[in-house]
Amino acid sequence: MTRQRLAHLPTRPTWRCQACGIAWPCSAAKLNLLAEYREDRTALLICLATLRDEAVAHLNAEVPDGVASADMVERFTGWASAR
């Protein structure tokens, strides 16, 4: 019997990685995204900002005190900014 490997994608509305269970984007997801968008950092940042806004909406509905905007910026886009 072979075990199916899950992709490192977000599970909504919790925004945890479906493969490893940590906050998405996890390290593996970041590496995959950097490889996928290696020729277009701007497109990566637009994609991540869109996902960040979706995550904020989901998490604010789920978490009693909401989520800190600065934390979400660093989590979703801060790591991917051009250095």
PDB file of N, CA and C in Angstrom:
ATOM      1  N   MET A   1       0.845  -1.176   0.000  1.00  0.00           N
ATOM      2  CA  MET A   1       0.000   0.000   0.000  1.00  0.00           C
ATOM      3  C   MET A   1       0.893   1.242   0.000  1.00  0.00           C
ATOM      4  N   THR A   2       0.633   2.167  -0.911  1.00  0.00           N
ATOM      5  CA  THR A   2       1.391   3.412  -0.954  1.00  0.00           C
ATOM      6  C   THR A   2       0.590   4.527  -0.307  1.00  0.00           C
ATOM      7  N   ARG A   3       1.297   5.381   0.321  1.00  0.00           N
ATOM      8  CA  ARG A   3       0.663   6.509   0.992  1.00  0.00           C
ATOM      9  C   ARG A   3       0.705   7.719   0.069  1.00  0.00           C
ATOM     10  N   GLN A   4      -0.450   8.341  -0.128  1.00  0.00           N
ATOM     11  CA  GLN A   4      -0.527   9.520  -0.994  1.00  0.00           C
ATOM     12  C   GLN A   4       0.051  10.723  -0.256  1.00  0.00           C
ATOM     13  N   ARG A   5       0.899  11.435  -0.920  1.00  0.00           N
ATOM     14  CA  ARG A   5       1.524  12.616  -0.336  1.00  0.00           C
ATOM     15  C   ARG A   5       0.664  13.846  -0.640  1.00  0.00           C
ATOM     16  N   LEU A   6       0.348  14.605   0.391  1.00  0.00           N
ATOM     17  CA  LEU A   6      -0.451  15.815   0.217  1.00  0.00           C
ATOM     18  C   LEU A   6       0.432  16.985  -0.206  1.00  0.00           C
ATOM     19  N   ALA A   7      -0.134  17.848  -1.012  1.00  0.00           N
ATOM     20  CA  ALA A   7       0.571  19.057  -1.432  1.00  0.00           C
ATOM     21  C   ALA A   7       0.542  20.070  -0.288  1.00  0.00           C
ATOM     22  N   HIS A   8       1.507  20.943  -0.275  1.00  0.00           N
ATOM     23  CA  HIS A   8       1.589  21.984   0.755  1.00  0.00           C
ATOM     24  C   HIS A   8       0.720  23.164   0.330  1.00  0.00           C
ATOM     25  N   LEU A   9      -0.591  22.977   0.466  1.00  0.00           N
ATOM     26  CA  LEU A   9      -1.583  23.982   0.094  1.00  0.00           C
ATOM     27  C   LEU A   9      -2.380  24.380   1.328  1.00  0.00           C
ATOM     28  N   PRO A  10      -2.987  25.572   1.308  1.00  0.00           N
ATOM     29  CA  PRO A  10      -3.743  26.004   2.484  1.00  0.00           C
ATOM     30  C   PRO A  10      -5.076  25.278   2.607  1.00  0.00           C
ATOM     31  N   THR A  11      -5.444  25.040   3.855  1.00  0.00           N
ATOM     32  CA  THR A  11      -6.770  24.515   4.169  1.00  0.00           C
ATOM     33  C   THR A  11      -7.586  25.698   4.675  1.00  0.00           C
ATOM     34  N   ARG A  12      -8.675  25.974   3.995  1.00  0.00           N
ATOM     35  CA  ARG A  12      -9.522  27.103   4.397  1.00  0.00           C
ATOM     36  C   ARG A  12     -10.641  26.594   5.300  1.00  0.00           C
ATOM     37  N   PRO A  13     -11.056  27.288   6.298  1.00  0.00           N
ATOM     38  CA  PRO A  13     -10.754  28.669   6.667  1.00  0.00           C
ATOM     39  C   PRO A  13      -9.634  28.806   7.699  1.00  0.00           C
ATOM     40  N   THR A  14      -8.943  27.718   8.043  1.00  0.00           N
ATOM     41  CA  THR A  14      -7.921  27.803   9.094  1.00  0.00           C
ATOM     42  C   THR A  14      -6.577  28.303   8.597  1.00  0.00           C
ATOM     43  N   TRP A  15      -6.315  28.203   7.319  1.00  0.00           N
ATOM     44  CA  TRP A  15      -5.065  28.615   6.701  1.00  0.00           C
ATOM     45  C   TRP A  15      -3.876  27.899   7.314  1.00  0.00           C
ATOM     46  N   ARG A  16      -4.075  26.574   7.510  1.00  0.00           N
ATOM     47  CA  ARG A  16      -3.002  25.680   7.913  1.00  0.00           C
ATOM     48  C   ARG A  16      -2.657  24.838   6.694  1.00  0.00           C
ATOM     49  N   CYS A  17      -1.432  24.386   6.612  1.00  0.00           N
ATOM     50  CA  CYS A  17      -0.987  23.563   5.489  1.00  0.00           C
ATOM     51  C   CYS A  17      -1.654  22.193   5.567  1.00  0.00           C
ATOM     52  N   GLN A  18      -2.209  21.738   4.457  1.00  0.00           N
ATOM     53  CA  GLN A  18      -2.885  20.438   4.461  1.00  0.00           C
ATOM     54  C   GLN A  18      -1.900  19.279   4.581  1.00  0.00           C
ATOM     55  N   ALA A  19      -0.629  19.515   4.264  1.00  0.00           N
ATOM     56  CA  ALA A  19       0.368  18.444   4.329  1.00  0.00           C
ATOM     57  C   ALA A  19       1.030  18.354   5.701  1.00  0.00           C
ATOM     58  N   CYS A  20       1.434  19.500   6.252  1.00  0.00           N
ATOM     59  CA  CYS A  20       2.198  19.456   7.509  1.00  0.00           C
ATOM     60  C   CYS A  20       1.475  20.089   8.693  1.00  0.00           C
ATOM     61  N   GLY A  21       0.375  20.798   8.445  1.00  0.00           N
ATOM     62  CA  GLY A  21      -0.450  21.322   9.526  1.00  0.00           C
ATOM     63  C   GLY A  21       0.008  22.625  10.164  1.00  0.00           C
ATOM     64  N   ILE A  22       1.112  23.195   9.689  1.00  0.00           N
ATOM     65  CA  ILE A  22       1.531  24.461  10.282  1.00  0.00           C
ATOM     66  C   ILE A  22       0.931  25.624   9.499  1.00  0.00           C
ATOM     67  N   ALA A  23       1.106  26.825  10.032  1.00  0.00           N
ATOM     68  CA  ALA A  23       0.548  28.012   9.386  1.00  0.00           C
ATOM     69  C   ALA A  23       1.048  28.111   7.948  1.00  0.00           C
ATOM     70  N   TRP A  24       0.103  28.312   7.025  1.00  0.00           N
ATOM     71  CA  TRP A  24       0.449  28.416   5.609  1.00  0.00           C
ATOM     72  C   TRP A  24       0.722  29.868   5.263  1.00  0.00           C
ATOM     73  N   PRO A  25       1.711  30.182   4.464  1.00  0.00           N
ATOM     74  CA  PRO A  25       2.577  29.275   3.737  1.00  0.00           C
ATOM     75  C   PRO A  25       3.703  28.716   4.610  1.00  0.00           C
ATOM     76  N   CYS A  26       3.799  27.406   4.646  1.00  0.00           N
ATOM     77  CA  CYS A  26       4.863  26.730   5.375  1.00  0.00           C
ATOM     78  C   CYS A  26       6.158  26.837   4.566  1.00  0.00           C
ATOM     79  N   SER A  27       7.244  26.354   5.117  1.00  0.00           N
ATOM     80  CA  SER A  27       8.540  26.444   4.422  1.00  0.00           C
ATOM     81  C   SER A  27       8.510  25.749   3.069  1.00  0.00           C
ATOM     82  N   ALA A  28       7.888  24.578   3.020  1.00  0.00           N
ATOM     83  CA  ALA A  28       7.814  23.846   1.743  1.00  0.00           C
ATOM     84  C   ALA A  28       6.987  24.612   0.721  1.00  0.00           C
ATOM     85  N   ALA A  29       5.874  25.221   1.160  1.00  0.00           N
ATOM     86  CA  ALA A  29       5.036  26.003   0.249  1.00  0.00           C
ATOM     87  C   ALA A  29       5.805  27.221  -0.268  1.00  0.00           C
ATOM     88  N   LYS A  30       6.579  27.855   0.599  1.00  0.00           N
ATOM     89  CA  LYS A  30       7.370  29.016   0.180  1.00  0.00           C
ATOM     90  C   LYS A  30       8.375  28.623  -0.898  1.00  0.00           C
ATOM     91  N   LEU A  31       9.056  27.502  -0.681  1.00  0.00           N
ATOM     92  CA  LEU A  31      10.016  27.037  -1.685  1.00  0.00           C
ATOM     93  C   LEU A  31       9.329  26.722  -3.004  1.00  0.00           C
ATOM     94  N   ASN A  32       8.174  26.070  -2.936  1.00  0.00           N
ATOM     95  CA  ASN A  32       7.417  25.759  -4.151  1.00  0.00           C
ATOM     96  C   ASN A  32       6.967  27.021  -4.876  1.00  0.00           C
ATOM     97  N   LEU A  33       6.500  28.008  -4.112  1.00  0.00           N
ATOM     98  CA  LEU A  33       6.049  29.261  -4.718  1.00  0.00           C
ATOM     99  C   LEU A  33       7.214  30.024  -5.350  1.00  0.00           C
ATOM    100  N   LEU A  34       8.347  30.048  -4.664  1.00  0.00           N
ATOM    101  CA  LEU A  34       9.523  30.728  -5.231  1.00  0.00           C
ATOM    102  C   LEU A  34       9.960  30.063  -6.534  1.00  0.00           C
ATOM    103  N   ALA A  35       9.889  28.748  -6.575  1.00  0.00           N
ATOM    104  CA  ALA A  35      10.257  28.037  -7.809  1.00  0.00           C
ATOM    105  C   ALA A  35       9.240  28.312  -8.914  1.00  0.00           C
ATOM    106  N   GLU A  36       7.965  28.275  -8.567  1.00  0.00           N
ATOM    107  CA  GLU A  36       6.911  28.486  -9.566  1.00  0.00           C
ATOM    108  C   GLU A  36       6.966  29.890 -10.163  1.00  0.00           C
ATOM    109  N   TYR A  37       7.273  30.877  -9.336  1.00  0.00           N
ATOM    110  CA  TYR A  37       7.269  32.272  -9.772  1.00  0.00           C
ATOM    111  C   TYR A  37       8.686  32.837  -9.911  1.00  0.00           C
ATOM    112  N   ARG A  38       9.666  31.991 -10.138  1.00  0.00           N
ATOM    113  CA  ARG A  38      11.062  32.453 -10.157  1.00  0.00           C
ATOM    114  C   ARG A  38      11.332  33.527 -11.204  1.00  0.00           C
ATOM    115  N   GLU A  39      10.532  33.558 -12.247  1.00  0.00           N
ATOM    116  CA  GLU A  39      10.729  34.552 -13.313  1.00  0.00           C
ATOM    117  C   GLU A  39       9.871  35.806 -13.136  1.00  0.00           C
ATOM    118  N   ASP A  40       8.982  35.803 -12.124  1.00  0.00           N
ATOM    119  CA  ASP A  40       8.065  36.938 -11.981  1.00  0.00           C
ATOM    120  C   ASP A  40       7.713  37.172 -10.515  1.00  0.00           C
ATOM    121  N   ARG A  41       8.620  37.837  -9.813  1.00  0.00           N
ATOM    122  CA  ARG A  41       8.423  38.111  -8.379  1.00  0.00           C
ATOM    123  C   ARG A  41       7.192  38.980  -8.152  1.00  0.00           C
ATOM    124  N   THR A  42       6.913  39.907  -9.061  1.00  0.00           N
ATOM    125  CA  THR A  42       5.734  40.765  -8.915  1.00  0.00           C
ATOM    126  C   THR A  42       4.457  39.940  -8.919  1.00  0.00           C
ATOM    127  N   ALA A  43       4.341  38.978  -9.811  1.00  0.00           N
ATOM    128  CA  ALA A  43       3.158  38.105  -9.858  1.00  0.00           C
ATOM    129  C   ALA A  43       3.037  37.291  -8.572  1.00  0.00           C
ATOM    130  N   LEU A  44       4.163  36.848  -8.029  1.00  0.00           N
ATOM    131  CA  LEU A  44       4.139  36.114  -6.757  1.00  0.00           C
ATOM    132  C   LEU A  44       3.580  36.997  -5.651  1.00  0.00           C
ATOM    133  N   LEU A  45       4.050  38.229  -5.571  1.00  0.00           N
ATOM    134  CA  LEU A  45       3.574  39.133  -4.523  1.00  0.00           C
ATOM    135  C   LEU A  45       2.095  39.468  -4.677  1.00  0.00           C
ATOM    136  N   ILE A  46       1.628  39.609  -5.906  1.00  0.00           N
ATOM    137  CA  ILE A  46       0.199  39.861  -6.139  1.00  0.00           C
ATOM    138  C   ILE A  46      -0.627  38.650  -5.701  1.00  0.00           C
ATOM    139  N   CYS A  47      -0.171  37.474  -6.074  1.00  0.00           N
ATOM    140  CA  CYS A  47      -0.861  36.238  -5.681  1.00  0.00           C
ATOM    141  C   CYS A  47      -0.919  36.123  -4.159  1.00  0.00           C
ATOM    142  N   LEU A  48       0.218  36.339  -3.501  1.00  0.00           N
ATOM    143  CA  LEU A  48       0.275  36.223  -2.040  1.00  0.00           C
ATOM    144  C   LEU A  48      -0.571  37.285  -1.342  1.00  0.00           C
ATOM    145  N   ALA A  49      -0.602  38.493  -1.881  1.00  0.00           N
ATOM    146  CA  ALA A  49      -1.425  39.553  -1.286  1.00  0.00           C
ATOM    147  C   ALA A  49      -2.901  39.212  -1.399  1.00  0.00           C
ATOM    148  N   THR A  50      -3.295  38.638  -2.510  1.00  0.00           N
ATOM    149  CA  THR A  50      -4.687  38.213  -2.696  1.00  0.00           C
ATOM    150  C   THR A  50      -5.042  37.118  -1.692  1.00  0.00           C
ATOM    151  N   LEU A  51      -4.159  36.150  -1.539  1.00  0.00           N
ATOM    152  CA  LEU A  51      -4.391  35.071  -0.573  1.00  0.00           C
ATOM    153  C   LEU A  51      -4.385  35.600   0.859  1.00  0.00           C
ATOM    154  N   ARG A  52      -3.511  36.573   1.136  1.00  0.00           N
ATOM    155  CA  ARG A  52      -3.471  37.184   2.465  1.00  0.00           C
ATOM    156  C   ARG A  52      -4.799  37.844   2.807  1.00  0.00           C
ATOM    157  N   ASP A  53      -5.369  38.571   1.858  1.00  0.00           N
ATOM    158  CA  ASP A  53      -6.651  39.230   2.108  1.00  0.00           C
ATOM    159  C   ASP A  53      -7.748  38.212   2.361  1.00  0.00           C
ATOM    160  N   GLU A  54      -7.732  37.112   1.626  1.00  0.00           N
ATOM    161  CA  GLU A  54      -8.709  36.041   1.838  1.00  0.00           C
ATOM    162  C   GLU A  54      -8.512  35.412   3.222  1.00  0.00           C
ATOM    163  N   ALA A  55      -7.263  35.189   3.595  1.00  0.00           N
ATOM    164  CA  ALA A  55      -6.970  34.595   4.897  1.00  0.00           C
ATOM    165  C   ALA A  55      -7.413  35.511   6.039  1.00  0.00           C
ATOM    166  N   VAL A  56      -7.152  36.798   5.911  1.00  0.00           N
ATOM    167  CA  VAL A  56      -7.566  37.754   6.943  1.00  0.00           C
ATOM    168  C   VAL A  56      -9.079  37.705   7.128  1.00  0.00           C
ATOM    169  N   ALA A  57      -9.818  37.682   6.037  1.00  0.00           N
ATOM    170  CA  ALA A  57     -11.286  37.621   6.128  1.00  0.00           C
ATOM    171  C   ALA A  57     -11.732  36.344   6.826  1.00  0.00           C
ATOM    172  N   HIS A  58     -11.140  35.216   6.448  1.00  0.00           N
ATOM    173  CA  HIS A  58     -11.499  33.937   7.079  1.00  0.00           C
ATOM    174  C   HIS A  58     -11.136  33.922   8.557  1.00  0.00           C
ATOM    175  N   LEU A  59      -9.909  34.313   8.864  1.00  0.00           N
ATOM    176  CA  LEU A  59      -9.437  34.223  10.239  1.00  0.00           C
ATOM    177  C   LEU A  59     -10.114  35.230  11.154  1.00  0.00           C
ATOM    178  N   ASN A  60     -10.456  36.397  10.649  1.00  0.00           N
ATOM    179  CA  ASN A  60     -11.184  37.364  11.467  1.00  0.00           C
ATOM    180  C   ASN A  60     -12.571  36.855  11.818  1.00  0.00           C
ATOM    181  N   ALA A  61     -13.153  36.038  10.962  1.00  0.00           N
ATOM    182  CA  ALA A  61     -14.457  35.436  11.248  1.00  0.00           C
ATOM    183  C   ALA A  61     -14.325  34.284  12.248  1.00  0.00           C
ATOM    184  N   GLU A  62     -13.150  33.636  12.288  1.00  0.00           N
ATOM    185  CA  GLU A  62     -12.935  32.463  13.136  1.00  0.00           C
ATOM    186  C   GLU A  62     -12.346  32.797  14.504  1.00  0.00           C
ATOM    187  N   VAL A  63     -11.485  33.801  14.564  1.00  0.00           N
ATOM    188  CA  VAL A  63     -10.753  34.133  15.788  1.00  0.00           C
ATOM    189  C   VAL A  63     -11.470  35.262  16.510  1.00  0.00           C
ATOM    190  N   PRO A  64     -11.796  35.067  17.808  1.00  0.00           N
ATOM    191  CA  PRO A  64     -12.562  36.096  18.530  1.00  0.00           C
ATOM    192  C   PRO A  64     -11.950  37.493  18.484  1.00  0.00           C
ATOM    193  N   ASP A  65     -10.644  37.612  18.653  1.00  0.00           N
ATOM    194  CA  ASP A  65     -10.006  38.933  18.662  1.00  0.00           C
ATOM    195  C   ASP A  65      -9.455  39.338  17.310  1.00  0.00           C
ATOM    196  N   GLY A  66      -9.676  38.524  16.289  1.00  0.00           N
ATOM    197  CA  GLY A  66      -9.165  38.822  14.955  1.00  0.00           C
ATOM    198  C   GLY A  66      -7.678  38.517  14.859  1.00  0.00           C
ATOM    199  N   VAL A  67      -7.090  38.888  13.757  1.00  0.00           N
ATOM    200  CA  VAL A  67      -5.666  38.651  13.528  1.00  0.00           C
ATOM    201  C   VAL A  67      -4.959  39.983  13.337  1.00  0.00           C
ATOM    202  N   ALA A  68      -3.707  40.024  13.740  1.00  0.00           N
ATOM    203  CA  ALA A  68      -2.919  41.250  13.603  1.00  0.00           C
ATOM    204  C   ALA A  68      -2.505  41.416  12.147  1.00  0.00           C
ATOM    205  N   SER A  69      -2.811  42.560  11.596  1.00  0.00           N
ATOM    206  CA  SER A  69      -2.510  42.835  10.195  1.00  0.00           C
ATOM    207  C   SER A  69      -1.018  42.719   9.897  1.00  0.00           C
ATOM    208  N   ALA A  70      -0.172  43.246  10.774  1.00  0.00           N
ATOM    209  CA  ALA A  70       1.277  43.194  10.549  1.00  0.00           C
ATOM    210  C   ALA A  70       1.771  41.751  10.506  1.00  0.00           C
ATOM    211  N   ASP A  71       1.212  40.905  11.356  1.00  0.00           N
ATOM    212  CA  ASP A  71       1.598  39.488  11.354  1.00  0.00           C
ATOM    213  C   ASP A  71       1.241  38.827  10.036  1.00  0.00           C
ATOM    214  N   MET A  72       0.101  39.168   9.492  1.00  0.00           N
ATOM    215  CA  MET A  72      -0.348  38.558   8.245  1.00  0.00           C
ATOM    216  C   MET A  72       0.479  39.058   7.062  1.00  0.00           C
ATOM    217  N   VAL A  73       0.899  40.305   7.111  1.00  0.00           N
ATOM    218  CA  VAL A  73       1.751  40.837   6.041  1.00  0.00           C
ATOM    219  C   VAL A  73       3.067  40.067   6.027  1.00  0.00           C
ATOM    220  N   GLU A  74       3.689  39.908   7.182  1.00  0.00           N
ATOM    221  CA  GLU A  74       4.958  39.179   7.242  1.00  0.00           C
ATOM    222  C   GLU A  74       4.765  37.719   6.842  1.00  0.00           C
ATOM    223  N   ARG A  75       3.705  37.110   7.332  1.00  0.00           N
ATOM    224  CA  ARG A  75       3.434  35.692   7.045  1.00  0.00           C
ATOM    225  C   ARG A  75       3.240  35.433   5.555  1.00  0.00           C
ATOM    226  N   PHE A  76       2.502  36.315   4.885  1.00  0.00           N
ATOM    227  CA  PHE A  76       2.171  36.055   3.485  1.00  0.00           C
ATOM    228  C   PHE A  76       3.081  36.722   2.475  1.00  0.00           C
ATOM    229  N   THR A  77       3.502  37.938   2.721  1.00  0.00           N
ATOM    230  CA  THR A  77       4.258  38.642   1.686  1.00  0.00           C
ATOM    231  C   THR A  77       5.634  39.111   2.115  1.00  0.00           C
ATOM    232  N   GLY A  78       5.857  39.300   3.402  1.00  0.00           N
ATOM    233  CA  GLY A  78       7.129  39.823   3.876  1.00  0.00           C
ATOM    234  C   GLY A  78       8.317  38.985   3.452  1.00  0.00           C
ATOM    235  N   TRP A  79       8.186  37.682   3.510  1.00  0.00           N
ATOM    236  CA  TRP A  79       9.280  36.778   3.158  1.00  0.00           C
ATOM    237  C   TRP A  79       9.584  36.779   1.658  1.00  0.00           C
ATOM    238  N   ALA A  80       8.610  37.169   0.846  1.00  0.00           N
ATOM    239  CA  ALA A  80       8.766  37.074  -0.615  1.00  0.00           C
ATOM    240  C   ALA A  80       9.189  38.388  -1.266  1.00  0.00           C
ATOM    241  N   SER A  81       9.253  39.445  -0.478  1.00  0.00           N
ATOM    242  CA  SER A  81       9.636  40.752  -1.056  1.00  0.00           C
ATOM    243  C   SER A  81      11.034  40.679  -1.628  1.00  0.00           C
ATOM    244  N   ALA A  82      11.234  41.427  -2.684  1.00  0.00           N
ATOM    245  CA  ALA A  82      12.553  41.480  -3.322  1.00  0.00           C
ATOM    246  C   ALA A  82      13.569  41.980  -2.311  1.00  0.00           C
ATOM    247  N   ARG A  83      14.703  41.337  -2.284  1.00  0.00           N
ATOM    248  CA  ARG A  83      15.736  41.694  -1.298  1.00  0.00           C
ATOM    249  C   ARG A  83      16.914  42.314  -1.985  1.00  0.00           C
TER     250      ARG A  83
END
